[in-house]
Amino acid sequence: MMSNPVKISEAASLAIHAAGILAGAAGGQSSAEAMADALGVSKSHLVKVLQRLTKTGLIRSSRGPGGGYSLTRPPQEVSIREVYEMVEGPIDADTCAMQVPTCGRTSCVLGDLFRRIGREVSEQLEKMTVADFSTSVGQSIDV
């Protein structure tokens, strides 16, 4: 199996997928249990991510029989980058890919390859919205 050089954490992936599900959900709302089932993940792990998104103001939760989670803004106004950064913090495309403060070289052996890739990924995440993502995630899932 080949490795993908562009990886995101499980928490960031869950946040993006959950936002996509909420954007495409009937009534714009879904329970944590339904989302966890649809994604095939632990409900407790997903709830931790949803709590983080609630704290940052991206989603709101409501209790009770008709309760669940919903987005606080229209999905076309929320970039995938914004969701990612709510979990991982700001993207810094100019940092070393190996996370080494200094390697003793005057220049990186890879040149500016990872900086260019990082900037491109950041730009693409900014262009894509939760509404765009909902067509590939939320609408095909019965939540």
N, C-alpha and C. Protein backbone atom coordinates (compact mmCIF):
# COMPACT_ATOMS: atom_id res chain seq x y z
N MET A 1 0.83 -1.17 0.00
CA MET A 1 0.00 0.00 0.00
C MET A 1 0.89 1.24 0.00
N MET A 2 0.49 2.23 -0.78
CA MET A 2 1.26 3.47 -0.87
C MET A 2 0.80 4.46 0.20
N SER A 3 1.70 5.29 0.63
CA SER A 3 1.42 6.31 1.63
C SER A 3 1.05 7.62 0.94
N ASN A 4 0.16 8.37 1.56
CA ASN A 4 -0.22 9.68 1.06
C ASN A 4 0.55 10.74 1.83
N PRO A 5 1.32 11.58 1.15
CA PRO A 5 2.12 12.58 1.87
C PRO A 5 1.28 13.69 2.51
N VAL A 6 0.03 13.84 2.11
CA VAL A 6 -0.84 14.84 2.70
C VAL A 6 -1.83 14.11 3.60
N LYS A 7 -1.62 14.23 4.90
CA LYS A 7 -2.45 13.54 5.87
C LYS A 7 -3.07 14.55 6.83
N ILE A 8 -4.28 14.22 7.30
CA ILE A 8 -4.89 15.02 8.35
C ILE A 8 -5.24 14.09 9.50
N SER A 9 -5.39 14.66 10.66
CA SER A 9 -5.69 13.86 11.84
C SER A 9 -7.10 13.28 11.75
N GLU A 10 -7.32 12.25 12.55
CA GLU A 10 -8.66 11.66 12.59
C GLU A 10 -9.69 12.67 13.10
N ALA A 11 -9.30 13.48 14.07
CA ALA A 11 -10.22 14.48 14.61
C ALA A 11 -10.62 15.50 13.55
N ALA A 12 -9.65 15.99 12.77
CA ALA A 12 -9.97 16.95 11.71
C ALA A 12 -10.84 16.30 10.64
N SER A 13 -10.53 15.06 10.31
CA SER A 13 -11.34 14.34 9.32
C SER A 13 -12.78 14.18 9.82
N LEU A 14 -12.94 13.82 11.08
CA LEU A 14 -14.29 13.67 11.65
C LEU A 14 -15.03 15.00 11.64
N ALA A 15 -14.34 16.09 11.97
CA ALA A 15 -14.97 17.41 11.97
C ALA A 15 -15.47 17.78 10.58
N ILE A 16 -14.65 17.55 9.57
CA ILE A 16 -15.02 17.88 8.20
C ILE A 16 -16.19 17.01 7.74
N HIS A 17 -16.11 15.71 8.03
CA HIS A 17 -17.19 14.80 7.63
C HIS A 17 -18.50 15.13 8.37
N ALA A 18 -18.41 15.43 9.65
CA ALA A 18 -19.61 15.77 10.42
C ALA A 18 -20.24 17.05 9.87
N ALA A 19 -19.44 18.05 9.57
CA ALA A 19 -19.97 19.29 9.00
C ALA A 19 -20.64 19.02 7.66
N GLY A 20 -20.03 18.14 6.85
CA GLY A 20 -20.64 17.78 5.57
C GLY A 20 -21.96 17.06 5.75
N ILE A 21 -22.02 16.18 6.74
CA ILE A 21 -23.28 15.48 7.02
C ILE A 21 -24.36 16.47 7.45
N LEU A 22 -24.01 17.39 8.34
CA LEU A 22 -24.99 18.37 8.81
C LEU A 22 -25.46 19.27 7.67
N ALA A 23 -24.56 19.60 6.76
CA ALA A 23 -24.95 20.44 5.63
C ALA A 23 -25.95 19.74 4.72
N GLY A 24 -25.86 18.42 4.62
CA GLY A 24 -26.75 17.68 3.73
C GLY A 24 -27.90 16.98 4.42
N ALA A 25 -27.97 17.08 5.75
CA ALA A 25 -29.00 16.37 6.52
C ALA A 25 -30.37 17.00 6.32
N ALA A 26 -31.38 16.15 6.31
CA ALA A 26 -32.76 16.63 6.25
C ALA A 26 -33.01 17.51 7.47
N GLY A 27 -33.50 18.71 7.24
CA GLY A 27 -33.74 19.63 8.33
C GLY A 27 -32.47 20.25 8.88
N GLY A 28 -31.32 19.92 8.30
CA GLY A 28 -30.05 20.49 8.73
C GLY A 28 -29.59 20.02 10.09
N GLN A 29 -30.13 18.90 10.56
CA GLN A 29 -29.80 18.44 11.90
C GLN A 29 -29.60 16.92 11.91
N SER A 30 -28.72 16.47 12.80
CA SER A 30 -28.47 15.04 12.95
C SER A 30 -28.00 14.76 14.37
N SER A 31 -28.23 13.55 14.82
CA SER A 31 -27.74 13.15 16.15
C SER A 31 -26.31 12.65 16.02
N ALA A 32 -25.59 12.68 17.13
CA ALA A 32 -24.22 12.16 17.15
C ALA A 32 -24.23 10.67 16.83
N GLU A 33 -25.21 9.97 17.34
CA GLU A 33 -25.29 8.52 17.10
C GLU A 33 -25.47 8.22 15.61
N ALA A 34 -26.35 8.94 14.95
CA ALA A 34 -26.58 8.72 13.51
C ALA A 34 -25.33 9.04 12.70
N MET A 35 -24.65 10.13 13.06
CA MET A 35 -23.43 10.49 12.34
C MET A 35 -22.32 9.46 12.58
N ALA A 36 -22.17 9.02 13.83
CA ALA A 36 -21.15 8.02 14.15
C ALA A 36 -21.42 6.72 13.39
N ASP A 37 -22.68 6.31 13.34
CA ASP A 37 -23.04 5.10 12.59
C ASP A 37 -22.73 5.26 11.11
N ALA A 38 -23.09 6.42 10.56
CA ALA A 38 -22.86 6.67 9.13
C ALA A 38 -21.37 6.68 8.79
N LEU A 39 -20.57 7.17 9.72
CA LEU A 39 -19.12 7.27 9.48
C LEU A 39 -18.36 6.03 9.95
N GLY A 40 -19.04 5.17 10.67
CA GLY A 40 -18.39 3.96 11.17
C GLY A 40 -17.32 4.25 12.21
N VAL A 41 -17.61 5.20 13.09
CA VAL A 41 -16.65 5.59 14.12
C VAL A 41 -17.29 5.53 15.50
N SER A 42 -16.46 5.63 16.51
CA SER A 42 -16.91 5.64 17.89
C SER A 42 -17.73 6.91 18.17
N LYS A 43 -18.90 6.73 18.76
CA LYS A 43 -19.74 7.88 19.11
C LYS A 43 -19.02 8.78 20.10
N SER A 44 -18.32 8.19 21.08
CA SER A 44 -17.65 9.01 22.09
C SER A 44 -16.54 9.87 21.48
N HIS A 45 -15.81 9.31 20.51
CA HIS A 45 -14.77 10.10 19.85
C HIS A 45 -15.39 11.22 19.02
N LEU A 46 -16.46 10.92 18.31
CA LEU A 46 -17.14 11.93 17.50
C LEU A 46 -17.71 13.03 18.39
N VAL A 47 -18.28 12.66 19.54
CA VAL A 47 -18.86 13.66 20.44
C VAL A 47 -17.79 14.64 20.92
N LYS A 48 -16.57 14.18 21.16
CA LYS A 48 -15.48 15.08 21.56
C LYS A 48 -15.20 16.11 20.47
N VAL A 49 -15.21 15.65 19.23
CA VAL A 49 -15.00 16.56 18.10
C VAL A 49 -16.17 17.54 17.99
N LEU A 50 -17.39 17.03 18.13
CA LEU A 50 -18.57 17.88 18.05
C LEU A 50 -18.58 18.92 19.16
N GLN A 51 -18.11 18.55 20.35
CA GLN A 51 -18.01 19.51 21.45
C GLN A 51 -17.05 20.64 21.09
N ARG A 52 -15.96 20.28 20.46
CA ARG A 52 -14.98 21.30 20.04
C ARG A 52 -15.62 22.26 19.03
N LEU A 53 -16.37 21.71 18.07
CA LEU A 53 -17.03 22.55 17.07
C LEU A 53 -18.14 23.39 17.68
N THR A 54 -18.74 22.90 18.75
CA THR A 54 -19.76 23.67 19.46
C THR A 54 -19.10 24.83 20.20
N LYS A 55 -17.97 24.57 20.86
CA LYS A 55 -17.24 25.62 21.58
C LYS A 55 -16.78 26.73 20.65
N THR A 56 -16.39 26.37 19.44
CA THR A 56 -15.90 27.38 18.49
C THR A 56 -17.05 28.10 17.79
N GLY A 57 -18.28 27.63 18.00
CA GLY A 57 -19.45 28.31 17.44
C GLY A 57 -19.86 27.84 16.06
N LEU A 58 -19.23 26.82 15.52
CA LEU A 58 -19.61 26.34 14.19
C LEU A 58 -20.93 25.58 14.21
N ILE A 59 -21.15 24.81 15.28
CA ILE A 59 -22.40 24.06 15.38
C ILE A 59 -23.05 24.34 16.72
N ARG A 60 -24.32 23.98 16.82
CA ARG A 60 -25.04 24.09 18.08
C ARG A 60 -25.69 22.74 18.35
N SER A 61 -25.93 22.49 19.60
CA SER A 61 -26.58 21.23 19.95
C SER A 61 -27.88 21.54 20.67
N SER A 62 -28.84 20.67 20.48
CA SER A 62 -30.11 20.79 21.19
C SER A 62 -30.44 19.43 21.78
N ARG A 63 -30.95 19.46 22.98
CA ARG A 63 -31.26 18.22 23.69
C ARG A 63 -32.72 17.83 23.45
N GLY A 64 -33.01 16.61 23.83
CA GLY A 64 -34.39 16.15 23.78
C GLY A 64 -34.65 15.21 22.62
N PRO A 65 -35.88 14.72 22.53
CA PRO A 65 -36.23 13.73 21.51
C PRO A 65 -35.98 14.20 20.07
N GLY A 66 -36.19 15.43 19.78
CA GLY A 66 -35.95 15.95 18.43
C GLY A 66 -34.62 16.66 18.32
N GLY A 67 -33.75 16.45 19.30
CA GLY A 67 -32.48 17.17 19.37
C GLY A 67 -31.43 16.62 18.43
N GLY A 68 -30.30 17.27 18.48
CA GLY A 68 -29.17 16.87 17.65
C GLY A 68 -28.25 18.05 17.45
N TYR A 69 -27.43 17.95 16.42
CA TYR A 69 -26.47 18.99 16.09
C TYR A 69 -26.86 19.64 14.77
N SER A 70 -26.56 20.93 14.65
CA SER A 70 -26.80 21.65 13.40
C SER A 70 -25.76 22.74 13.25
N LEU A 71 -25.54 23.16 12.01
CA LEU A 71 -24.61 24.25 11.72
C LEU A 71 -25.23 25.56 12.17
N THR A 72 -24.41 26.51 12.59
CA THR A 72 -24.89 27.83 13.01
C THR A 72 -24.91 28.84 11.86
N ARG A 73 -24.27 28.49 10.76
CA ARG A 73 -24.22 29.36 9.58
C ARG A 73 -24.56 28.55 8.34
N PRO A 74 -24.94 29.21 7.28
CA PRO A 74 -25.20 28.49 6.03
C PRO A 74 -23.93 27.75 5.57
N PRO A 75 -24.06 26.50 5.13
CA PRO A 75 -22.89 25.70 4.77
C PRO A 75 -22.03 26.31 3.66
N GLN A 76 -22.60 27.11 2.79
CA GLN A 76 -21.82 27.73 1.72
C GLN A 76 -20.95 28.86 2.24
N GLU A 77 -21.12 29.24 3.52
CA GLU A 77 -20.30 30.30 4.13
C GLU A 77 -19.18 29.75 5.01
N VAL A 78 -19.08 28.42 5.10
CA VAL A 78 -18.08 27.80 5.98
C VAL A 78 -17.08 27.04 5.12
N SER A 79 -15.81 27.47 5.15
CA SER A 79 -14.80 26.78 4.35
C SER A 79 -14.32 25.52 5.09
N ILE A 80 -13.85 24.57 4.31
CA ILE A 80 -13.28 23.36 4.88
C ILE A 80 -12.03 23.72 5.70
N ARG A 81 -11.30 24.72 5.25
CA ARG A 81 -10.13 25.17 6.01
C ARG A 81 -10.54 25.65 7.40
N GLU A 82 -11.63 26.39 7.47
CA GLU A 82 -12.11 26.89 8.76
C GLU A 82 -12.43 25.73 9.71
N VAL A 83 -13.10 24.71 9.21
CA VAL A 83 -13.42 23.55 10.04
C VAL A 83 -12.13 22.86 10.49
N TYR A 84 -11.22 22.66 9.56
CA TYR A 84 -9.92 22.05 9.88
C TYR A 84 -9.22 22.83 10.99
N GLU A 85 -9.16 24.15 10.85
CA GLU A 85 -8.44 24.97 11.82
C GLU A 85 -9.12 25.01 13.18
N MET A 86 -10.43 24.77 13.23
CA MET A 86 -11.12 24.72 14.52
C MET A 86 -10.64 23.54 15.36
N VAL A 87 -10.17 22.51 14.69
CA VAL A 87 -9.68 21.32 15.39
C VAL A 87 -8.16 21.35 15.54
N GLU A 88 -7.46 21.72 14.50
CA GLU A 88 -6.00 21.62 14.47
C GLU A 88 -5.26 22.92 14.75
N GLY A 89 -5.97 24.04 14.73
CA GLY A 89 -5.30 25.32 14.85
C GLY A 89 -4.93 25.85 13.47
N PRO A 90 -4.41 27.06 13.42
CA PRO A 90 -4.11 27.70 12.13
C PRO A 90 -3.11 26.89 11.30
N ILE A 91 -3.35 26.87 10.01
CA ILE A 91 -2.44 26.22 9.07
C ILE A 91 -1.25 27.14 8.87
N ASP A 92 -0.05 26.59 8.99
CA ASP A 92 1.17 27.34 8.72
C ASP A 92 1.90 26.61 7.60
N ALA A 93 1.64 27.02 6.38
CA ALA A 93 2.21 26.35 5.22
C ALA A 93 3.72 26.56 5.10
N ASP A 94 4.27 27.46 5.87
CA ASP A 94 5.70 27.75 5.76
C ASP A 94 6.57 27.01 6.76
N THR A 95 5.99 26.10 7.54
CA THR A 95 6.82 25.37 8.50
C THR A 95 7.47 24.17 7.82
N CYS A 96 8.50 23.67 8.45
CA CYS A 96 9.23 22.51 7.94
C CYS A 96 8.34 21.28 8.00
N ALA A 97 8.30 20.50 6.94
CA ALA A 97 7.48 19.30 6.89
C ALA A 97 7.93 18.26 7.91
N MET A 98 9.18 18.31 8.29
CA MET A 98 9.70 17.35 9.27
C MET A 98 9.59 17.89 10.69
N GLN A 99 9.07 19.10 10.84
CA GLN A 99 8.87 19.72 12.14
C GLN A 99 10.20 19.90 12.90
N VAL A 100 11.26 20.18 12.16
CA VAL A 100 12.57 20.36 12.75
C VAL A 100 12.87 21.86 12.78
N PRO A 101 13.16 22.43 13.96
CA PRO A 101 13.41 23.86 14.02
C PRO A 101 14.64 24.27 13.20
N THR A 102 15.66 23.46 13.23
CA THR A 102 16.85 23.73 12.42
C THR A 102 17.57 22.41 12.17
N CYS A 103 17.96 22.20 10.94
CA CYS A 103 18.62 20.93 10.62
C CYS A 103 20.10 21.13 10.32
N GLY A 104 20.61 22.32 10.53
CA GLY A 104 22.03 22.57 10.32
C GLY A 104 22.38 22.87 8.87
N ARG A 105 21.38 22.90 8.02
CA ARG A 105 21.62 23.20 6.60
C ARG A 105 21.27 24.67 6.35
N THR A 106 21.87 25.23 5.36
CA THR A 106 21.55 26.61 5.01
C THR A 106 20.28 26.67 4.18
N SER A 107 19.94 25.56 3.54
CA SER A 107 18.69 25.50 2.80
C SER A 107 18.13 24.08 2.90
N CYS A 108 16.82 23.98 2.70
CA CYS A 108 16.17 22.66 2.81
C CYS A 108 16.58 21.79 1.63
N VAL A 109 16.85 20.53 1.94
CA VAL A 109 17.25 19.58 0.91
C VAL A 109 16.12 19.41 -0.14
N LEU A 110 14.89 19.66 0.27
CA LEU A 110 13.74 19.54 -0.64
C LEU A 110 13.35 20.88 -1.27
N GLY A 111 14.17 21.88 -1.05
CA GLY A 111 13.85 23.19 -1.60
C GLY A 111 12.58 23.72 -0.97
N ASP A 112 11.73 24.34 -1.77
CA ASP A 112 10.48 24.86 -1.22
C ASP A 112 9.28 23.98 -1.59
N LEU A 113 9.54 22.71 -1.92
CA LEU A 113 8.50 21.78 -2.34
C LEU A 113 7.35 21.73 -1.34
N PHE A 114 7.64 21.48 -0.07
CA PHE A 114 6.57 21.33 0.91
C PHE A 114 5.88 22.66 1.22
N ARG A 115 6.61 23.74 1.11
CA ARG A 115 5.96 25.05 1.30
C ARG A 115 4.95 25.29 0.18
N ARG A 116 5.33 24.97 -1.05
CA ARG A 116 4.41 25.14 -2.19
C ARG A 116 3.20 24.22 -2.03
N ILE A 117 3.44 22.98 -1.65
CA ILE A 117 2.34 22.03 -1.46
C ILE A 117 1.43 22.51 -0.33
N GLY A 118 2.03 22.94 0.78
CA GLY A 118 1.25 23.43 1.92
C GLY A 118 0.38 24.61 1.55
N ARG A 119 0.94 25.54 0.79
CA ARG A 119 0.15 26.71 0.36
C ARG A 119 -0.99 26.30 -0.55
N GLU A 120 -0.72 25.37 -1.46
CA GLU A 120 -1.76 24.91 -2.40
C GLU A 120 -2.88 24.19 -1.65
N VAL A 121 -2.52 23.33 -0.72
CA VAL A 121 -3.54 22.63 0.08
C VAL A 121 -4.36 23.64 0.86
N SER A 122 -3.72 24.60 1.49
CA SER A 122 -4.41 25.62 2.26
C SER A 122 -5.38 26.41 1.38
N GLU A 123 -4.93 26.79 0.19
CA GLU A 123 -5.79 27.54 -0.73
C GLU A 123 -6.99 26.71 -1.18
N GLN A 124 -6.77 25.43 -1.45
CA GLN A 124 -7.87 24.56 -1.88
C GLN A 124 -8.88 24.35 -0.76
N LEU A 125 -8.40 24.18 0.48
CA LEU A 125 -9.30 24.02 1.62
C LEU A 125 -10.12 25.28 1.84
N GLU A 126 -9.54 26.43 1.54
CA GLU A 126 -10.26 27.70 1.69
C GLU A 126 -11.35 27.85 0.62
N LYS A 127 -11.07 27.38 -0.59
CA LYS A 127 -12.03 27.49 -1.69
C LYS A 127 -13.24 26.57 -1.52
N MET A 128 -13.02 25.40 -0.92
CA MET A 128 -14.10 24.42 -0.78
C MET A 128 -14.91 24.70 0.48
N THR A 129 -16.23 24.68 0.33
CA THR A 129 -17.09 24.94 1.48
C THR A 129 -17.73 23.65 1.98
N VAL A 130 -18.32 23.75 3.16
CA VAL A 130 -19.04 22.62 3.72
C VAL A 130 -20.18 22.23 2.78
N ALA A 131 -20.79 23.20 2.12
CA ALA A 131 -21.87 22.90 1.17
C ALA A 131 -21.34 22.05 0.02
N ASP A 132 -20.15 22.35 -0.48
CA ASP A 132 -19.54 21.55 -1.54
C ASP A 132 -19.32 20.12 -1.07
N PHE A 133 -18.88 19.99 0.16
CA PHE A 133 -18.55 18.67 0.71
C PHE A 133 -19.81 17.86 1.02
N SER A 134 -20.91 18.53 1.28
CA SER A 134 -22.14 17.81 1.65
C SER A 134 -22.64 16.94 0.50
N THR A 135 -22.36 17.32 -0.73
CA THR A 135 -22.82 16.52 -1.86
C THR A 135 -22.14 15.18 -1.92
N SER A 136 -20.92 15.09 -1.39
CA SER A 136 -20.22 13.80 -1.42
C SER A 136 -20.38 13.02 -0.13
N VAL A 137 -20.83 13.69 0.95
CA VAL A 137 -20.95 13.00 2.23
C VAL A 137 -22.39 12.96 2.72
N GLY A 138 -22.95 14.12 2.98
CA GLY A 138 -24.22 14.20 3.69
C GLY A 138 -25.42 13.65 2.96
N GLN A 139 -25.51 13.84 1.67
CA GLN A 139 -26.73 13.45 0.98
C GLN A 139 -26.83 11.95 0.73
N SER A 140 -25.71 11.26 0.82
CA SER A 140 -25.75 9.82 0.58
C SER A 140 -25.92 9.03 1.88
N ILE A 141 -26.04 9.76 3.00
CA ILE A 141 -26.14 9.12 4.30
C ILE A 141 -27.52 9.41 4.89
N ASP A 142 -28.17 8.39 5.35
CA ASP A 142 -29.48 8.55 5.98
C ASP A 142 -29.26 8.92 7.44
N VAL A 143 -29.38 10.21 7.75
CA VAL A 143 -29.17 10.68 9.11
C VAL A 143 -30.47 11.19 9.67
